[in-house]
PDB file of N, CA and C in Angstrom:
ATOM      1  N   MET A   1     107.425 100.974 129.803  1.00  0.00           N
ATOM      2  CA  MET A   1     106.680 100.651 128.684  1.00  0.00           C
ATOM      3  C   MET A   1     107.345  99.708 127.693  1.00  0.00           C
ATOM      4  N   SER A   2     107.428  98.815 127.098  1.00  0.00           N
ATOM      5  CA  SER A   2     108.521  98.810 125.725  1.00  0.00           C
ATOM      6  C   SER A   2     107.050  97.052 125.880  1.00  0.00           C
ATOM      7  N   SER A   3     107.340  96.752 124.818  1.00  0.00           N
ATOM      8  CA  SER A   3     106.151  96.429 123.726  1.00  0.00           C
ATOM      9  C   SER A   3     107.476  95.232 122.762  1.00  0.00           C
ATOM     10  N   THR A   4     107.214  94.023 122.676  1.00  0.00           N
ATOM     11  CA  THR A   4     108.455  93.566 122.189  1.00  0.00           C
ATOM     12  C   THR A   4     107.479  93.361 120.409  1.00  0.00           C
ATOM     13  N   THR A   5     106.210  94.074 120.373  1.00  0.00           N
ATOM     14  CA  THR A   5     105.892  94.031 117.943  1.00  0.00           C
ATOM     15  C   THR A   5     106.122  96.154 118.577  1.00  0.00           C
ATOM     16  N   SER A   6     106.935  96.288 117.093  1.00  0.00           N
ATOM     17  CA  SER A   6     106.183  97.606 117.215  1.00  0.00           C
ATOM     18  C   SER A   6     105.800  97.798 116.232  1.00  0.00           C
ATOM     19  N   LYS A   7     104.346  99.021 116.734  1.00  0.00           N
ATOM     20  CA  LYS A   7     103.255  99.220 115.067  1.00  0.00           C
ATOM     21  C   LYS A   7     103.768 100.489 114.767  1.00  0.00           C
ATOM     22  N   PRO A   8     103.938 100.039 113.609  1.00  0.00           N
ATOM     23  CA  PRO A   8     103.877 101.444 111.994  1.00  0.00           C
ATOM     24  C   PRO A   8     103.670 102.571 113.379  1.00  0.00           C
ATOM     25  N   LYS A   9     104.365 103.561 112.668  1.00  0.00           N
ATOM     26  CA  LYS A   9     103.971 105.206 113.714  1.00  0.00           C
ATOM     27  C   LYS A   9     102.591 105.933 112.552  1.00  0.00           C
ATOM     28  N   THR A  10     103.082 105.905 111.677  1.00  0.00           N
ATOM     29  CA  THR A  10     102.550 107.374 111.044  1.00  0.00           C
ATOM     30  C   THR A  10     101.784 105.895 109.900  1.00  0.00           C
ATOM     31  N   LYS A  11     100.623 106.976 109.075  1.00  0.00           N
ATOM     32  CA  LYS A  11      99.523 106.259 108.198  1.00  0.00           C
ATOM     33  C   LYS A  11     100.647 105.674 107.457  1.00  0.00           C
ATOM     34  N   SER A  12     101.475 106.332 106.307  1.00  0.00           N
ATOM     35  CA  SER A  12     101.831 105.770 105.370  1.00  0.00           C
ATOM     36  C   SER A  12     103.468 104.784 105.932  1.00  0.00           C
ATOM     37  N   ALA A  13     103.701 104.426 107.026  1.00  0.00           N
ATOM     38  CA  ALA A  13     103.913 103.303 107.955  1.00  0.00           C
ATOM     39  C   ALA A  13     103.079 102.187 107.710  1.00  0.00           C
ATOM     40  N   LYS A  14     102.346 101.992 108.132  1.00  0.00           N
ATOM     41  CA  LYS A  14     100.758 101.447 108.471  1.00  0.00           C
ATOM     42  C   LYS A  14     100.302 100.927 106.807  1.00  0.00           C
ATOM     43  N   VAL A  15     100.559 100.842 106.035  1.00  0.00           N
ATOM     44  CA  VAL A  15      99.405 101.385 104.620  1.00  0.00           C
ATOM     45  C   VAL A  15     101.241  99.932 103.978  1.00  0.00           C
ATOM     46  N   ILE A  16     102.327 101.097 103.763  1.00  0.00           N
ATOM     47  CA  ILE A  16     103.418 100.218 103.525  1.00  0.00           C
ATOM     48  C   ILE A  16     103.775  99.046 103.772  1.00  0.00           C
ATOM     49  N   ALA A  17     103.270  98.576 105.428  1.00  0.00           N
ATOM     50  CA  ALA A  17     103.070  97.213 106.151  1.00  0.00           C
ATOM     51  C   ALA A  17     102.025  96.815 105.408  1.00  0.00           C
ATOM     52  N   LEU A  18     100.816  97.029 105.170  1.00  0.00           N
ATOM     53  CA  LEU A  18     100.338  96.164 105.154  1.00  0.00           C
ATOM     54  C   LEU A  18      99.860  95.964 103.627  1.00  0.00           C
ATOM     55  N   LEU A  19     101.010  96.471 102.469  1.00  0.00           N
ATOM     56  CA  LEU A  19     101.183  96.086 101.484  1.00  0.00           C
ATOM     57  C   LEU A  19     102.156  95.012 100.680  1.00  0.00           C
ATOM     58  N   SER A  20     103.467  95.313 102.298  1.00  0.00           N
ATOM     59  CA  SER A  20     103.957  94.355 102.063  1.00  0.00           C
ATOM     60  C   SER A  20     104.004  93.273 102.764  1.00  0.00           C
ATOM     61  N   ARG A  21     102.418  92.594 102.626  1.00  0.00           N
ATOM     62  CA  ARG A  21     102.325  91.305 103.404  1.00  0.00           C
ATOM     63  C   ARG A  21     102.349  90.570 101.984  1.00  0.00           C
ATOM     64  N   THR A  22     102.352  88.895 101.923  1.00  0.00           N
ATOM     65  CA  THR A  22     102.056  88.240 101.126  1.00  0.00           C
ATOM     66  C   THR A  22     101.280  88.147  99.859  1.00  0.00           C
ATOM     67  N   LYS A  23     100.191  88.485 100.812  1.00  0.00           N
ATOM     68  CA  LYS A  23      98.842  88.285 100.212  1.00  0.00           C
ATOM     69  C   LYS A  23      98.629  90.219 100.213  1.00  0.00           C
ATOM     70  N   GLY A  24      99.384  90.876 100.306  1.00  0.00           N
ATOM     71  CA  GLY A  24      99.273  91.974  99.728  1.00  0.00           C
ATOM     72  C   GLY A  24      97.215  92.745 100.517  1.00  0.00           C
ATOM     73  N   ALA A  25      96.630  94.217 100.439  1.00  0.00           N
ATOM     74  CA  ALA A  25      95.814  94.614 101.076  1.00  0.00           C
ATOM     75  C   ALA A  25      94.812  95.203  99.581  1.00  0.00           C
ATOM     76  N   THR A  26      93.563  94.698 100.496  1.00  0.00           N
ATOM     77  CA  THR A  26      92.654  95.445  99.742  1.00  0.00           C
ATOM     78  C   THR A  26      92.291  96.818  99.608  1.00  0.00           C
ATOM     79  N   LEU A  27      91.777  97.495  98.664  1.00  0.00           N
ATOM     80  CA  LEU A  27      91.394  99.187  99.202  1.00  0.00           C
ATOM     81  C   LEU A  27      90.947  99.072 100.819  1.00  0.00           C
ATOM     82  N   LEU A  28      89.275  98.177 101.076  1.00  0.00           N
ATOM     83  CA  LEU A  28      89.168  98.398 102.154  1.00  0.00           C
ATOM     84  C   LEU A  28      89.925  97.676 103.133  1.00  0.00           C
ATOM     85  N   GLU A  29      91.036  97.561 103.434  1.00  0.00           N
ATOM     86  CA  GLU A  29      91.438  96.991 104.418  1.00  0.00           C
ATOM     87  C   GLU A  29      92.592  98.005 104.448  1.00  0.00           C
ATOM     88  N   ILE A  30      92.731  98.887 103.949  1.00  0.00           N
ATOM     89  CA  ILE A  30      93.752 100.391 103.754  1.00  0.00           C
ATOM     90  C   ILE A  30      93.042 101.413 103.970  1.00  0.00           C
ATOM     91  N   CYS A  31      91.720 101.622 103.987  1.00  0.00           N
ATOM     92  CA  CYS A  31      90.729 102.122 104.297  1.00  0.00           C
ATOM     93  C   CYS A  31      90.203 102.167 105.459  1.00  0.00           C
ATOM     94  N   LYS A  32      89.986 101.456 105.881  1.00  0.00           N
ATOM     95  CA  LYS A  32      90.011 100.867 107.771  1.00  0.00           C
ATOM     96  C   LYS A  32      90.831 101.218 108.229  1.00  0.00           C
ATOM     97  N   ALA A  33      92.073 100.842 107.788  1.00  0.00           N
ATOM     98  CA  ALA A  33      93.948 100.729 108.716  1.00  0.00           C
ATOM     99  C   ALA A  33      93.800 102.420 109.100  1.00  0.00           C
ATOM    100  N   THR A  34      93.519 103.456 108.204  1.00  0.00           N
ATOM    101  CA  THR A  34      93.347 104.229 107.838  1.00  0.00           C
ATOM    102  C   THR A  34      92.810 105.330 108.427  1.00  0.00           C
ATOM    103  N   ASN A  35      91.656 104.901 108.020  1.00  0.00           N
ATOM    104  CA  ASN A  35      90.395 105.696 107.682  1.00  0.00           C
ATOM    105  C   ASN A  35      90.929 107.307 107.166  1.00  0.00           C
ATOM    106  N   TRP A  36      91.138 107.230 105.018  1.00  0.00           N
ATOM    107  CA  TRP A  36      90.912 107.234 105.064  1.00  0.00           C
ATOM    108  C   TRP A  36      90.086 107.165 104.223  1.00  0.00           C
ATOM    109  N   LYS A  37      88.790 107.902 102.933  1.00  0.00           N
ATOM    110  CA  LYS A  37      88.434 107.648 101.833  1.00  0.00           C
ATOM    111  C   LYS A  37      89.574 106.600 100.621  1.00  0.00           C
ATOM    112  N   SER A  38      88.639 106.084 100.220  1.00  0.00           N
ATOM    113  CA  SER A  38      89.041 104.949  98.610  1.00  0.00           C
ATOM    114  C   SER A  38      89.804 105.947  97.894  1.00  0.00           C
ATOM    115  N   HIS A  39      89.571 107.065  97.651  1.00  0.00           N
ATOM    116  CA  HIS A  39      90.307 107.703  96.658  1.00  0.00           C
ATOM    117  C   HIS A  39      91.278 108.680  97.244  1.00  0.00           C
ATOM    118  N   SER A  40      91.739 109.159  98.330  1.00  0.00           N
ATOM    119  CA  SER A  40      92.638 109.040  99.356  1.00  0.00           C
ATOM    120  C   SER A  40      93.580 107.877  98.850  1.00  0.00           C
ATOM    121  N   VAL A  41      93.132 106.855  99.577  1.00  0.00           N
ATOM    122  CA  VAL A  41      94.290 105.436  98.694  1.00  0.00           C
ATOM    123  C   VAL A  41      94.497 105.204  98.044  1.00  0.00           C
ATOM    124  N   ARG A  42      93.944 105.605  96.608  1.00  0.00           N
ATOM    125  CA  ARG A  42      94.393 105.705  95.576  1.00  0.00           C
ATOM    126  C   ARG A  42      95.595 106.358  95.376  1.00  0.00           C
ATOM    127  N   ALA A  43      95.616 107.369  95.703  1.00  0.00           N
ATOM    128  CA  ALA A  43      95.975 109.174  95.332  1.00  0.00           C
ATOM    129  C   ALA A  43      97.506 108.428  96.325  1.00  0.00           C
ATOM    130  N   PHE A  44      97.444 108.121  97.048  1.00  0.00           N
ATOM    131  CA  PHE A  44      98.642 107.155  98.582  1.00  0.00           C
ATOM    132  C   PHE A  44      99.571 106.013  97.345  1.00  0.00           C
ATOM    133  N   LEU A  45      97.934 105.158  96.528  1.00  0.00           N
ATOM    134  CA  LEU A  45      98.877 104.294  95.709  1.00  0.00           C
ATOM    135  C   LEU A  45     100.312 104.887  94.561  1.00  0.00           C
ATOM    136  N   THR A  46      99.398 105.822  94.218  1.00  0.00           N
ATOM    137  CA  THR A  46     100.051 106.691  92.725  1.00  0.00           C
ATOM    138  C   THR A  46     101.411 107.670  92.670  1.00  0.00           C
ATOM    139  N   GLY A  47     101.030 107.700  94.921  1.00  0.00           N
ATOM    140  CA  GLY A  47     102.918 108.632  95.126  1.00  0.00           C
ATOM    141  C   GLY A  47     103.505 107.441  95.274  1.00  0.00           C
ATOM    142  N   LEU A  48     103.001 106.623  95.697  1.00  0.00           N
ATOM    143  CA  LEU A  48     104.454 105.215  95.784  1.00  0.00           C
ATOM    144  C   LEU A  48     104.882 104.401  94.849  1.00  0.00           C
ATOM    145  N   ARG A  49     103.813 104.862  93.721  1.00  0.00           N
ATOM    146  CA  ARG A  49     104.397 104.759  91.969  1.00  0.00           C
ATOM    147  C   ARG A  49     105.959 105.732  91.648  1.00  0.00           C
ATOM    148  N   LYS A  50     105.423 106.618  92.390  1.00  0.00           N
ATOM    149  CA  LYS A  50     105.920 108.355  91.690  1.00  0.00           C
ATOM    150  C   LYS A  50     107.967 107.796  92.693  1.00  0.00           C
ATOM    151  N   LYS A  51     107.493 107.364  93.747  1.00  0.00           N
ATOM    152  CA  LYS A  51     108.264 107.454  94.742  1.00  0.00           C
ATOM    153  C   LYS A  51     109.380 105.695  94.252  1.00  0.00           C
ATOM    154  N   GLY A  52     108.851 105.219  93.320  1.00  0.00           N
ATOM    155  CA  GLY A  52     109.865 103.529  93.115  1.00  0.00           C
ATOM    156  C   GLY A  52     109.619 102.396  93.304  1.00  0.00           C
ATOM    157  N   PHE A  53     108.454 102.362  94.203  1.00  0.00           N
ATOM    158  CA  PHE A  53     107.699 101.589  94.596  1.00  0.00           C
ATOM    159  C   PHE A  53     107.273 100.303  93.262  1.00  0.00           C
ATOM    160  N   VAL A  54     106.862  99.446  93.636  1.00  0.00           N
ATOM    161  CA  VAL A  54     106.196  98.816  91.769  1.00  0.00           C
ATOM    162  C   VAL A  54     105.261  98.223  92.909  1.00  0.00           C
ATOM    163  N   LEU A  55     104.298  98.689  92.754  1.00  0.00           N
ATOM    164  CA  LEU A  55     102.558  97.808  92.741  1.00  0.00           C
ATOM    165  C   LEU A  55     102.402  96.776  91.917  1.00  0.00           C
ATOM    166  N   THR A  56     101.478  95.834  92.636  1.00  0.00           N
ATOM    167  CA  THR A  56     100.851  94.253  91.468  1.00  0.00           C
ATOM    168  C   THR A  56      99.572  94.180  91.882  1.00  0.00           C
ATOM    169  N   ARG A  57      98.606  94.190  91.186  1.00  0.00           N
ATOM    170  CA  ARG A  57      96.745  94.629  91.931  1.00  0.00           C
ATOM    171  C   ARG A  57      96.521  93.487  91.507  1.00  0.00           C
ATOM    172  N   GLU A  58      96.353  91.989  92.563  1.00  0.00           N
ATOM    173  CA  GLU A  58      95.722  91.101  91.829  1.00  0.00           C
ATOM    174  C   GLU A  58      94.430  90.734  92.187  1.00  0.00           C
ATOM    175  N   GLN A  59      93.849  89.810  91.400  1.00  0.00           N
ATOM    176  CA  GLN A  59      91.860  89.515  91.810  1.00  0.00           C
ATOM    177  C   GLN A  59      92.205  88.498  93.198  1.00  0.00           C
ATOM    178  N   ARG A  60      91.788  88.766  94.231  1.00  0.00           N
ATOM    179  CA  ARG A  60      91.510  87.989  95.003  1.00  0.00           C
ATOM    180  C   ARG A  60      90.121  87.144  95.662  1.00  0.00           C
ATOM    181  N   GLY A  61      89.375  86.003  94.659  1.00  0.00           N
ATOM    182  CA  GLY A  61      88.530  85.453  95.006  1.00  0.00           C
ATOM    183  C   GLY A  61      87.237  87.066  95.377  1.00  0.00           C
ATOM    184  N   ASP A  62      86.663  86.272  95.995  1.00  0.00           N
ATOM    185  CA  ASP A  62      84.842  87.658  96.165  1.00  0.00           C
ATOM    186  C   ASP A  62      85.922  89.019  96.942  1.00  0.00           C
ATOM    187  N   ASP A  63      87.392  88.527  97.691  1.00  0.00           N
ATOM    188  CA  ASP A  63      87.817  90.351  98.480  1.00  0.00           C
ATOM    189  C   ASP A  63      87.759  90.897  97.446  1.00  0.00           C
ATOM    190  N   GLY A  64      88.349  90.943  96.976  1.00  0.00           N
ATOM    191  CA  GLY A  64      87.979  91.399  95.201  1.00  0.00           C
ATOM    192  C   GLY A  64      89.662  92.380  94.619  1.00  0.00           C
ATOM    193  N   THR A  65      89.890  93.092  94.332  1.00  0.00           N
ATOM    194  CA  THR A  65      91.703  93.507  94.053  1.00  0.00           C
ATOM    195  C   THR A  65      92.258  94.064  95.192  1.00  0.00           C
ATOM    196  N   ALA A  66      93.774  93.200  95.541  1.00  0.00           N
ATOM    197  CA  ALA A  66      94.490  93.280  96.104  1.00  0.00           C
ATOM    198  C   ALA A  66      96.004  93.753  95.479  1.00  0.00           C
ATOM    199  N   TYR A  67      96.531  94.198  96.579  1.00  0.00           N
ATOM    200  CA  TYR A  67      97.290  95.576  96.569  1.00  0.00           C
ATOM    201  C   TYR A  67      98.375  94.937  96.979  1.00  0.00           C
ATOM    202  N   ARG A  68      99.621  95.038  95.858  1.00  0.00           N
ATOM    203  CA  ARG A  68     100.918  94.393  97.161  1.00  0.00           C
ATOM    204  C   ARG A  68     102.490  94.342  96.112  1.00  0.00           C
ATOM    205  N   ILE A  69     103.220  95.539  97.405  1.00  0.00           N
ATOM    206  CA  ILE A  69     104.507  96.325  97.056  1.00  0.00           C
ATOM    207  C   ILE A  69     105.516  94.577  96.175  1.00  0.00           C
ATOM    208  N   THR A  70     106.074  94.793  95.206  1.00  0.00           N
ATOM    209  CA  THR A  70     106.826  93.408  94.809  1.00  0.00           C
ATOM    210  C   THR A  70     108.418  94.548  94.503  1.00  0.00           C
ATOM    211  N   GLN A  71     108.232  95.594  94.494  1.00  0.00           N
ATOM    212  CA  GLN A  71     110.002  96.060  94.599  1.00  0.00           C
ATOM    213  C   GLN A  71     110.019  97.035  95.246  1.00  0.00           C
ATOM    214  N   SER A  72     110.770  97.593  95.971  1.00  0.00           N
ATOM    215  CA  SER A  72     111.208  99.240  96.929  1.00  0.00           C
ATOM    216  C   SER A  72     112.133  99.563  96.300  1.00  0.00           C
ATOM    217  N   PRO A  73     112.267 100.454  96.427  1.00  0.00           N
ATOM    218  CA  PRO A  73     112.603 101.470  95.674  1.00  0.00           C
ATOM    219  C   PRO A  73     114.002 101.073  96.722  1.00  0.00           C
ATOM    220  N   GLY A  74     115.766 101.795  95.985  1.00  0.00           N
ATOM    221  CA  GLY A  74     116.718 102.110  96.971  1.00  0.00           C
ATOM    222  C   GLY A  74     117.094 103.412  98.019  1.00  0.00           C
ATOM    223  N   LYS A  75     117.294 103.049  99.094  1.00  0.00           N
ATOM    224  CA  LYS A  75     117.413 104.072 100.256  1.00  0.00           C
ATOM    225  C   LYS A  75     118.101 105.488  99.264  1.00  0.00           C
ATOM    226  N   ASN A  76     118.824 105.391  98.373  1.00  0.00           N
ATOM    227  CA  ASN A  76     119.359 106.713  97.714  1.00  0.00           C
ATOM    228  C   ASN A  76     118.559 107.069  96.839  1.00  0.00           C
ATOM    229  N   GLU A  77     117.728 105.979  96.080  1.00  0.00           N
ATOM    230  CA  GLU A  77     116.134 107.028  95.615  1.00  0.00           C
ATOM    231  C   GLU A  77     115.409 107.113  95.751  1.00  0.00           C
ATOM    232  N   LEU A  78     114.973 106.568  97.236  1.00  0.00           N
ATOM    233  CA  LEU A  78     114.104 106.921  98.147  1.00  0.00           C
ATOM    234  C   LEU A  78     113.984 108.497  98.528  1.00  0.00           C
ATOM    235  N   LYS A  79     115.294 108.525  99.246  1.00  0.00           N
ATOM    236  CA  LYS A  79     115.780 110.225  99.683  1.00  0.00           C
ATOM    237  C   LYS A  79     115.658 111.499  98.426  1.00  0.00           C
ATOM    238  N   GLY A  80     116.240 110.493  97.085  1.00  0.00           N
ATOM    239  CA  GLY A  80     116.001 111.898  96.154  1.00  0.00           C
ATOM    240  C   GLY A  80     114.097 111.992  96.209  1.00  0.00           C
ATOM    241  N   ALA A  81     113.711 111.660  96.100  1.00  0.00           N
ATOM    242  CA  ALA A  81     112.722 111.659  95.469  1.00  0.00           C
ATOM    243  C   ALA A  81     111.319 112.188  97.200  1.00  0.00           C
ATOM    244  N   ALA A  82     112.324 112.087  98.062  1.00  0.00           N
ATOM    245  CA  ALA A  82     111.622 112.601  98.607  1.00  0.00           C
ATOM    246  C   ALA A  82     111.881 114.476  98.843  1.00  0.00           C
TER     247      ALA A  82
END
């Protein structure tokens, strides 16, 4: 069974994929995708920042605040942070 679109295998990969979208993702969207509570999502976002990801916060109308990855760390930096 092979599919043309591959889904992220881990929750971390799901979150990074959501944050990589042009419109980013809200806390609620990430909570629904991962089944995490909001404090866990915030802690994960902090961990991404420590690994070298650059995140921006944007107001998204009535949807609230959206987070978006604007810069990812280089592969060498990511290996060193793990």
